[in-house]
C-alpha atoms as a PDB file:
ATOM      1  CA  MET A   1      22.574  23.766 -22.605  1.00  0.00           C
ATOM      2  CA  ASP A   2      22.663  23.275 -26.399  1.00  0.00           C
ATOM      3  CA  ARG A   3      22.858  26.139 -28.914  1.00  0.00           C
ATOM      4  CA  ASP A   4      19.134  26.145 -29.701  1.00  0.00           C
ATOM      5  CA  ALA A   5      18.216  26.228 -26.015  1.00  0.00           C
ATOM      6  CA  ARG A   6      20.642  29.123 -25.441  1.00  0.00           C
ATOM      7  CA  ALA A   7      19.204  30.937 -28.454  1.00  0.00           C
ATOM      8  CA  ARG A   8      15.630  30.459 -27.172  1.00  0.00           C
ATOM      9  CA  GLN A   9      16.683  31.740 -23.750  1.00  0.00           C
ATOM     10  CA  LEU A  10      18.375  34.777 -25.315  1.00  0.00           C
ATOM     11  CA  SER A  11      15.285  35.468 -27.417  1.00  0.00           C
ATOM     12  CA  ARG A  12      13.070  35.378 -24.327  1.00  0.00           C
ATOM     13  CA  GLU A  13      15.420  37.493 -22.217  1.00  0.00           C
ATOM     14  CA  LEU A  14      15.945  40.219 -24.808  1.00  0.00           C
ATOM     15  CA  ARG A  15      12.270  40.462 -25.651  1.00  0.00           C
ATOM     16  CA  THR A  16      10.557  39.977 -22.286  1.00  0.00           C
ATOM     17  CA  GLU A  17      12.913  40.311 -19.310  1.00  0.00           C
ATOM     18  CA  SER A  18      13.175  43.585 -17.473  1.00  0.00           C
ATOM     19  CA  SER A  19      16.267  44.789 -15.695  1.00  0.00           C
ATOM     20  CA  PRO A  20      17.962  48.179 -15.555  1.00  0.00           C
ATOM     21  CA  ASP A  21      20.760  46.985 -17.864  1.00  0.00           C
ATOM     22  CA  LEU A  22      18.348  45.541 -20.421  1.00  0.00           C
ATOM     23  CA  ARG A  23      16.232  48.709 -20.378  1.00  0.00           C
ATOM     24  CA  ARG A  24      19.334  50.830 -20.980  1.00  0.00           C
ATOM     25  CA  ARG A  25      20.523  48.503 -23.745  1.00  0.00           C
ATOM     26  CA  ARG A  26      17.101  48.787 -25.410  1.00  0.00           C
ATOM     27  CA  GLY A  27      17.496  52.552 -25.148  1.00  0.00           C
ATOM     28  CA  VAL A  28      20.819  52.335 -27.000  1.00  0.00           C
ATOM     29  CA  VAL A  29      19.156  50.283 -29.742  1.00  0.00           C
ATOM     30  CA  ALA A  30      16.259  52.764 -30.012  1.00  0.00           C
ATOM     31  CA  LEU A  31      18.630  55.744 -30.144  1.00  0.00           C
ATOM     32  CA  SER A  32      20.787  53.971 -32.745  1.00  0.00           C
ATOM     33  CA  LEU A  33      17.681  53.389 -34.869  1.00  0.00           C
ATOM     34  CA  THR A  34      16.754  57.069 -34.509  1.00  0.00           C
ATOM     35  CA  ALA A  35      20.212  58.130 -35.656  1.00  0.00           C
ATOM     36  CA  SER A  36      20.083  55.532 -38.443  1.00  0.00           C
ATOM     37  CA  ALA A  37      16.821  56.979 -39.748  1.00  0.00           C
ATOM     38  CA  ALA A  38      18.490  60.387 -40.017  1.00  0.00           C
ATOM     39  CA  MET A  39      21.562  58.837 -41.664  1.00  0.00           C
ATOM     40  CA  GLY A  40      19.317  56.935 -44.066  1.00  0.00           C
ATOM     41  CA  LEU A  41      17.704  60.137 -45.308  1.00  0.00           C
ATOM     42  CA  ILE A  42      21.101  61.774 -45.736  1.00  0.00           C
ATOM     43  CA  ALA A  43      22.417  58.668 -47.542  1.00  0.00           C
ATOM     44  CA  LEU A  44      19.541  58.941 -50.011  1.00  0.00           C
ATOM     45  CA  TYR A  45      20.759  62.468 -50.840  1.00  0.00           C
ATOM     46  CA  GLN A  46      24.460  61.663 -50.810  1.00  0.00           C
ATOM     47  CA  THR A  47      24.009  58.803 -53.268  1.00  0.00           C
ATOM     48  CA  GLY A  48      21.721  60.759 -55.618  1.00  0.00           C
ATOM     49  CA  ILE A  49      18.527  58.824 -54.941  1.00  0.00           C
ATOM     50  CA  ILE A  50      16.818  62.033 -53.854  1.00  0.00           C
ATOM     51  CA  LYS A  51      17.825  65.497 -55.081  1.00  0.00           C
ATOM     52  CA  HIS A  52      16.939  67.517 -51.979  1.00  0.00           C
ATOM     53  CA  ILE A  53      16.971  66.867 -48.247  1.00  0.00           C
ATOM     54  CA  PRO A  54      13.770  68.065 -46.604  1.00  0.00           C
ATOM     55  CA  GLU A  55      14.315  70.283 -43.596  1.00  0.00           C
ATOM     56  CA  PRO A  56      12.454  73.050 -41.814  1.00  0.00           C
ATOM     57  CA  PRO A  57      12.942  76.501 -43.326  1.00  0.00           C
ATOM     58  CA  LEU A  58      14.854  77.850 -40.349  1.00  0.00           C
ATOM     59  CA  PRO A  59      17.848  80.145 -40.303  1.00  0.00           C
ATOM     60  CA  LEU A  60      21.255  78.440 -40.037  1.00  0.00           C
ATOM     61  CA  LEU A  61      19.951  75.166 -41.522  1.00  0.00           C
ATOM     62  CA  ASN A  62      21.377  73.952 -44.813  1.00  0.00           C
ATOM     63  CA  ALA A  63      21.597  70.175 -44.876  1.00  0.00           C
ATOM     64  CA  GLU A  64      22.573  70.105 -48.547  1.00  0.00           C
ATOM     65  CA  ARG A  65      25.600  72.354 -48.009  1.00  0.00           C
ATOM     66  CA  VAL A  66      26.783  70.213 -45.096  1.00  0.00           C
ATOM     67  CA  ASN A  67      26.063  66.802 -46.631  1.00  0.00           C
ATOM     68  CA  GLY A  68      27.153  67.677 -50.155  1.00  0.00           C
ATOM     69  CA  SER A  69      30.539  68.998 -49.038  1.00  0.00           C
ATOM     70  CA  ALA A  70      33.866  67.355 -49.830  1.00  0.00           C
ATOM     71  CA  GLN A  71      34.239  66.583 -46.121  1.00  0.00           C
ATOM     72  CA  ALA A  72      31.156  64.343 -46.317  1.00  0.00           C
ATOM     73  CA  TYR A  73      32.849  62.109 -48.930  1.00  0.00           C
ATOM     74  CA  ARG A  74      36.464  62.157 -47.729  1.00  0.00           C
ATOM     75  CA  LYS A  75      36.667  59.013 -45.546  1.00  0.00           C
ATOM     76  CA  PHE A  76      37.092  55.737 -47.439  1.00  0.00           C
ATOM     77  CA  ALA A  77      35.860  57.441 -50.637  1.00  0.00           C
ATOM     78  CA  ALA A  78      32.288  56.894 -49.439  1.00  0.00           C
ATOM     79  CA  PRO A  79      29.407  59.117 -48.318  1.00  0.00           C
ATOM     80  CA  ASP A  80      29.693  59.644 -44.576  1.00  0.00           C
ATOM     81  CA  ALA A  81      26.008  58.841 -43.972  1.00  0.00           C
ATOM     82  CA  VAL A  82      26.544  55.343 -45.393  1.00  0.00           C
ATOM     83  CA  LEU A  83      29.499  54.906 -43.036  1.00  0.00           C
ATOM     84  CA  GLY A  84      27.301  56.235 -40.228  1.00  0.00           C
ATOM     85  CA  LEU A  85      24.688  53.564 -40.941  1.00  0.00           C
ATOM     86  CA  GLY A  86      27.335  50.880 -40.577  1.00  0.00           C
ATOM     87  CA  SER A  87      28.551  52.464 -37.367  1.00  0.00           C
ATOM     88  CA  TYR A  88      25.090  52.582 -35.800  1.00  0.00           C
ATOM     89  CA  ALA A  89      24.485  48.969 -36.870  1.00  0.00           C
ATOM     90  CA  THR A  90      27.661  48.039 -34.980  1.00  0.00           C
ATOM     91  CA  THR A  91      26.458  49.920 -31.907  1.00  0.00           C
ATOM     92  CA  MET A  92      23.095  48.138 -32.033  1.00  0.00           C
ATOM     93  CA  THR A  93      24.834  44.799 -32.383  1.00  0.00           C
ATOM     94  CA  LEU A  94      27.035  45.438 -29.343  1.00  0.00           C
ATOM     95  CA  ALA A  95      23.983  46.566 -27.350  1.00  0.00           C
ATOM     96  CA  SER A  96      22.038  43.431 -28.250  1.00  0.00           C
ATOM     97  CA  ILE A  97      24.735  40.772 -27.800  1.00  0.00           C
ATOM     98  CA  GLY A  98      24.116  38.516 -24.819  1.00  0.00           C
ATOM     99  CA  GLY A  99      21.373  38.083 -22.290  1.00  0.00           C
ATOM    100  CA  LYS A 100      20.560  39.679 -18.976  1.00  0.00           C
ATOM    101  CA  ASP A 101      23.714  38.322 -17.287  1.00  0.00           C
ATOM    102  CA  ARG A 102      26.216  39.377 -19.937  1.00  0.00           C
ATOM    103  CA  VAL A 103      28.165  41.476 -17.441  1.00  0.00           C
ATOM    104  CA  HIS A 104      29.269  38.205 -15.835  1.00  0.00           C
ATOM    105  CA  GLU A 105      29.152  35.925 -18.877  1.00  0.00           C
ATOM    106  CA  MET A 106      30.861  38.206 -21.397  1.00  0.00           C
ATOM    107  CA  PRO A 107      32.096  41.354 -19.622  1.00  0.00           C
ATOM    108  CA  LEU A 108      34.187  42.546 -22.548  1.00  0.00           C
ATOM    109  CA  ILE A 109      31.049  43.248 -24.612  1.00  0.00           C
ATOM    110  CA  PRO A 110      29.725  46.044 -22.335  1.00  0.00           C
ATOM    111  CA  LEU A 111      33.246  47.492 -22.274  1.00  0.00           C
ATOM    112  CA  ALA A 112      33.408  47.367 -26.076  1.00  0.00           C
ATOM    113  CA  LEU A 113      29.993  49.053 -26.271  1.00  0.00           C
ATOM    114  CA  ALA A 114      31.112  51.816 -23.915  1.00  0.00           C
ATOM    115  CA  ALA A 115      34.296  52.373 -25.942  1.00  0.00           C
ATOM    116  CA  LYS A 116      32.288  52.436 -29.189  1.00  0.00           C
ATOM    117  CA  VAL A 117      29.795  54.948 -27.797  1.00  0.00           C
ATOM    118  CA  ALA A 118      32.640  57.114 -26.439  1.00  0.00           C
ATOM    119  CA  PHE A 119      34.228  57.135 -29.902  1.00  0.00           C
ATOM    120  CA  ASP A 120      30.865  57.970 -31.475  1.00  0.00           C
ATOM    121  CA  VAL A 121      30.234  60.815 -29.015  1.00  0.00           C
ATOM    122  CA  ALA A 122      33.638  62.344 -29.796  1.00  0.00           C
ATOM    123  CA  ASN A 123      33.008  61.999 -33.536  1.00  0.00           C
ATOM    124  CA  ALA A 124      29.495  63.470 -33.286  1.00  0.00           C
ATOM    125  CA  ALA A 125      30.819  66.419 -31.274  1.00  0.00           C
ATOM    126  CA  LYS A 126      33.571  67.075 -33.840  1.00  0.00           C
ATOM    127  CA  LEU A 127      31.178  66.856 -36.780  1.00  0.00           C
ATOM    128  CA  THR A 128      28.675  69.132 -35.061  1.00  0.00           C
ATOM    129  CA  VAL A 129      31.359  71.772 -34.514  1.00  0.00           C
ATOM    130  CA  ASP A 130      32.569  71.282 -38.101  1.00  0.00           C
ATOM    131  CA  GLN A 131      29.085  72.023 -39.439  1.00  0.00           C
ATOM    132  CA  TRP A 132      29.331  75.568 -38.207  1.00  0.00           C
ATOM    133  CA  THR A 133      33.068  76.244 -38.446  1.00  0.00           C
ATOM    134  CA  LYS A 134      33.521  74.742 -41.931  1.00  0.00           C
ATOM    135  CA  HIS A 135      30.102  75.193 -43.555  1.00  0.00           C
ATOM    136  CA  ARG A 136      28.451  78.011 -41.577  1.00  0.00           C
ATOM    137  CA  ALA A 137      25.289  75.923 -41.500  1.00  0.00           C
ATOM    138  CA  PHE A 138      23.725  73.053 -39.609  1.00  0.00           C
ATOM    139  CA  CYS A 139      21.935  69.951 -40.827  1.00  0.00           C
ATOM    140  CA  ILE A 140      18.855  69.184 -38.726  1.00  0.00           C
ATOM    141  CA  TRP A 141      19.214  65.450 -39.476  1.00  0.00           C
ATOM    142  CA  CYS A 142      22.847  65.482 -38.377  1.00  0.00           C
ATOM    143  CA  LEU A 143      21.850  67.268 -35.178  1.00  0.00           C
ATOM    144  CA  ILE A 144      19.173  64.635 -34.504  1.00  0.00           C
ATOM    145  CA  ALA A 145      21.734  61.855 -35.026  1.00  0.00           C
ATOM    146  CA  ALA A 146      24.286  63.640 -32.824  1.00  0.00           C
ATOM    147  CA  SER A 147      21.701  64.181 -30.074  1.00  0.00           C
ATOM    148  CA  ALA A 148      20.757  60.492 -30.160  1.00  0.00           C
ATOM    149  CA  THR A 149      24.446  59.611 -29.953  1.00  0.00           C
ATOM    150  CA  PHE A 150      25.032  61.915 -26.974  1.00  0.00           C
ATOM    151  CA  ALA A 151      21.998  60.390 -25.236  1.00  0.00           C
ATOM    152  CA  MET A 152      23.576  56.919 -25.475  1.00  0.00           C
ATOM    153  CA  ALA A 153      26.553  57.837 -23.292  1.00  0.00           C
ATOM    154  CA  PRO A 154      24.860  57.785 -19.881  1.00  0.00           C
ATOM    155  CA  LEU A 155      23.040  54.580 -20.830  1.00  0.00           C
ATOM    156  CA  VAL A 156      26.225  52.533 -21.287  1.00  0.00           C
ATOM    157  CA  VAL A 157      28.146  53.720 -18.215  1.00  0.00           C
ATOM    158  CA  PRO A 158      26.512  51.623 -15.442  1.00  0.00           C
ATOM    159  CA  GLU A 159      26.937  48.330 -17.283  1.00  0.00           C
ATOM    160  CA  ALA A 160      30.504  49.228 -18.284  1.00  0.00           C
ATOM    161  CA  ILE A 161      31.420  49.969 -14.667  1.00  0.00           C
ATOM    162  CA  ALA A 162      29.948  46.639 -13.551  1.00  0.00           C
ATOM    163  CA  ALA A 163      31.802  44.834 -16.355  1.00  0.00           C
ATOM    164  CA  ALA A 164      35.074  46.555 -15.456  1.00  0.00           C
ATOM    165  CA  ARG A 165      34.660  45.311 -11.884  1.00  0.00           C
ATOM    166  CA  VAL A 166      34.086  41.761 -13.129  1.00  0.00           C
ATOM    167  CA  VAL A 167      37.171  41.924 -15.354  1.00  0.00           C
ATOM    168  CA  ALA A 168      39.258  43.388 -12.509  1.00  0.00           C
ATOM    169  CA  SER A 169      38.063  40.604 -10.215  1.00  0.00           C
ATOM    170  CA  LEU A 170      38.915  37.962 -12.804  1.00  0.00           C
ATOM    171  CA  LEU A 171      42.367  39.458 -13.329  1.00  0.00           C
ATOM    172  CA  SER A 172      42.932  39.675  -9.587  1.00  0.00           C
ATOM    173  CA  SER A 173      41.932  36.058  -8.979  1.00  0.00           C
ATOM    174  CA  SER A 174      44.067  34.988 -11.930  1.00  0.00           C
ATOM    175  CA  SER A 175      47.142  36.739 -10.568  1.00  0.00           C
ATOM    176  CA  ASP A 176      46.425  35.357  -7.062  1.00  0.00           C
ATOM    177  CA  SER A 177      46.339  31.804  -8.399  1.00  0.00           C
ATOM    178  CA  ARG A 178      49.747  32.294 -10.096  1.00  0.00           C
ATOM    179  CA  SER A 179      51.357  33.502  -6.861  1.00  0.00           C
END
């Protein structure tokens, strides 16, 4: 099959096919877009495009204290929401690579997605705890992004388990053929 034919097949599969793995992968993309929307609003504030972050007038919420802190600008001398946008774009890319049979055709991609989501979950948990312990306030937009990130975890596990089995089988057959 030539490259254009493969690309047309991938286009059709991603847009129209239905399987449990594809539905979960679409969920990861949707959750990444949700988190990206929250990060986009924060990035507007952190880069000075807007002067205030809208949020409900609820106790314990202070998005500007959290997102204007030194901690929010410490990594790579960049606003953390901008870095978050890049991170969620990477997650969406990993979720959308390959067609319905990627577990067999490219099993390392689901494993990479699972590792990326696990890293993101750990980071989101740390930053959520930091909001309270370091700033004594929460950012509603950060909590939305963290919740979307946490919701991705169960979506990537089934495909990662199937991919790990494929990789183990490939490694086993490879070592058998060397014996």
